[in-house]
Amino acid sequence: MDLAIGKLLRFGAIFSAVLVSLGGVLYLQHPLRSAPKYNHFLAESTSLQGVAGVLRGAVHLDANSVIQLGLLFLIATPVARVAFCIVGFARQKDHLYIVISSSVLVILIYSLIQGGR
């Protein structure tokens, strides 16, 4: 199970890095992009504030959405690891660690949902 978890974490990190790099390349290729102005704070557009908007933008190869999607994968990788552990412990019939991992998963999902509001 340890090797499979390691492969899952490695895949998640590499896939996220590839997505963020692709988004960076797309961002730099835009010929009419003006230099950012840092003297005023501008909030992120509403299309990037939800998963559905990020997915919609990534399908159209919007650079900001592709970068955001890579970051979402990076955040989701440890959550997937905990879910994967629950399956692994269930196969081993280790009830104590199933309960502990399930509690961790609930806390992670709750904090992700509450943090998005």
Foldseek 3Di string as FASTA:
>chain_A
DVVVLVVLLVVLLVVLVVLLVLLVVLVVPPPPDDDDDPPDDDDDDPLLLDPVSLVVCVVVPNSVSSNSVSVVSNLCSVLVSLVVVLVVCVVVVPVVSNVVSVVVNVVSVVCVVVVSD
